Amino acid sequence: MNDNSNFYHKTAPHNLEYAGEGATREIIAYDNQLMMVKVSFEKGAIGTMHQHIHTQATFVESGVFEFTIGEEKQIIKQGDACFMPSNVLHGCVCLEAGALIDSFGPYREDFV
């Protein structure tokens, strides 16, 4: 793996990866300590409940999502954000089509 990605990122269709039914993922930038990823969802798409060692912060670029983090469930929309500590079970359901900007520390080796 490279120690870092390019300094600048411009969206390109060939960068999109399948991220589950009705969802695509695009890695924006990363190095060994931090990764930023854009995940786009169609209405009704599900971010399956999961957990990982990475700390995650998510910003809602657009759309409306029902997030579950641990035992807590909330609806968040454009401009809102949420935080998932390491190893806490979390997932979401897309209520209105949109996109999330996820940041992970350290980077997700399984994404590259």
Protein backbone atom coordinates (compact mmCIF):
# COMPACT_ATOMS: atom_id res chain seq x y z
CA MET A 1 0.00 0.00 0.00
CA ASN A 2 1.07 3.56 -0.64
CA ASP A 3 1.68 5.67 2.44
CA ASN A 4 -0.88 8.15 1.18
CA SER A 5 -3.27 8.88 -1.65
CA ASN A 6 -3.21 11.97 -3.86
CA PHE A 7 -3.46 15.38 -2.25
CA TYR A 8 -6.56 16.22 -4.30
CA HIS A 9 -9.55 14.11 -5.24
CA LYS A 10 -11.90 14.61 -8.14
CA THR A 11 -14.97 12.42 -8.46
CA ALA A 12 -14.81 9.89 -11.29
CA PRO A 13 -17.33 7.13 -12.11
CA HIS A 14 -14.57 4.49 -12.28
CA ASN A 15 -13.79 5.07 -8.58
CA LEU A 16 -17.19 3.74 -7.42
CA GLU A 17 -17.37 0.36 -5.69
CA TYR A 18 -20.38 -1.77 -4.74
CA ALA A 19 -21.18 -1.30 -1.04
CA GLY A 20 -24.36 -3.36 -0.73
CA GLU A 21 -27.75 -3.32 -2.42
CA GLY A 22 -28.51 0.29 -3.43
CA ALA A 23 -25.19 1.70 -2.19
CA THR A 24 -21.85 2.68 -3.73
CA ARG A 25 -18.60 3.60 -2.02
CA GLU A 26 -15.85 5.93 -3.20
CA ILE A 27 -12.56 6.27 -1.36
CA ILE A 28 -11.71 9.96 -1.31
CA ALA A 29 -8.34 10.00 0.45
CA TYR A 30 -6.32 8.07 3.00
CA ASP A 31 -3.00 7.46 4.65
CA ASN A 32 -2.08 4.97 7.37
CA GLN A 33 -3.87 6.94 10.09
CA LEU A 34 -7.01 8.37 8.46
CA MET A 35 -9.42 7.54 5.64
CA MET A 36 -12.29 9.53 4.09
CA VAL A 37 -14.98 7.68 2.12
CA LYS A 38 -18.19 8.83 0.40
CA VAL A 39 -21.05 6.32 0.49
CA SER A 40 -24.11 7.05 -1.68
CA PHE A 41 -27.44 5.39 -0.91
CA GLU A 42 -30.69 4.90 -2.77
CA LYS A 43 -33.86 5.23 -0.73
CA GLY A 44 -34.39 2.04 1.27
CA ALA A 45 -30.77 0.89 1.10
CA ILE A 46 -29.39 -0.56 4.31
CA GLY A 47 -26.00 -0.11 5.90
CA THR A 48 -26.00 -3.50 7.65
CA MET A 49 -25.29 -3.54 11.38
CA HIS A 50 -21.58 -4.13 11.94
CA GLN A 51 -18.63 -3.16 14.10
CA HIS A 52 -14.92 -2.66 13.52
CA ILE A 53 -11.82 -1.58 15.38
CA HIS A 54 -11.81 1.79 13.63
CA THR A 55 -13.18 4.96 15.16
CA GLN A 56 -15.69 6.46 12.69
CA ALA A 57 -17.19 9.91 12.25
CA THR A 58 -19.95 10.36 9.66
CA PHE A 59 -21.28 13.57 8.11
CA VAL A 60 -24.59 13.55 6.20
CA GLU A 61 -23.86 15.31 2.90
CA SER A 62 -27.44 14.79 1.70
CA GLY A 63 -30.52 12.68 2.39
CA VAL A 64 -32.11 11.34 5.56
CA PHE A 65 -30.92 8.27 7.49
CA GLU A 66 -32.05 6.29 10.50
CA PHE A 67 -28.87 5.39 12.38
CA THR A 68 -28.48 2.84 15.13
CA ILE A 69 -25.35 3.19 17.24
CA GLY A 70 -25.15 0.73 20.10
CA GLU A 71 -28.66 0.72 21.62
CA GLU A 72 -29.50 4.26 20.43
CA LYS A 73 -31.51 4.98 17.27
CA GLN A 74 -31.90 8.46 15.73
CA ILE A 75 -32.85 10.05 12.44
CA ILE A 76 -30.19 12.33 11.02
CA LYS A 77 -30.33 14.49 7.90
CA GLN A 78 -28.25 16.78 5.71
CA GLY A 79 -25.76 18.72 7.81
CA ASP A 80 -25.96 16.35 10.81
CA ALA A 81 -23.17 14.04 11.94
CA CYS A 82 -22.63 11.03 14.19
CA PHE A 83 -19.72 9.27 15.88
CA MET A 84 -19.05 5.55 16.27
CA PRO A 85 -16.39 4.56 18.82
CA SER A 86 -14.20 1.55 18.15
CA ASN A 87 -16.02 -1.82 18.28
CA VAL A 88 -19.52 -0.34 18.79
CA LEU A 89 -22.25 -2.03 16.73
CA HIS A 90 -23.81 0.40 14.21
CA GLY A 91 -25.75 0.61 10.95
CA CYS A 92 -28.27 2.72 9.06
CA VAL A 93 -31.31 2.72 6.81
CA CYS A 94 -31.61 5.34 4.08
CA LEU A 95 -35.01 7.05 4.37
CA GLU A 96 -34.36 9.61 1.58
CA ALA A 97 -31.65 9.05 -1.04
CA GLY A 98 -28.40 10.70 -0.12
CA ALA A 99 -24.72 10.42 0.70
CA LEU A 100 -22.58 10.05 3.80
CA ILE A 101 -18.99 11.17 4.24
CA ASP A 102 -17.27 8.66 6.54
CA SER A 103 -13.91 9.23 8.23
CA PHE A 104 -12.05 6.30 9.79
CA GLY A 105 -9.03 6.16 12.02
CA PRO A 106 -6.92 4.26 11.32
CA TYR A 107 -7.66 3.65 7.63
CA ARG A 108 -9.77 0.65 6.56
CA GLU A 109 -7.34 -1.87 5.10
CA ASP A 110 -10.33 -3.91 3.91
CA PHE A 111 -11.37 -1.03 1.60
CA VAL A 112 -8.08 -0.79 -0.32
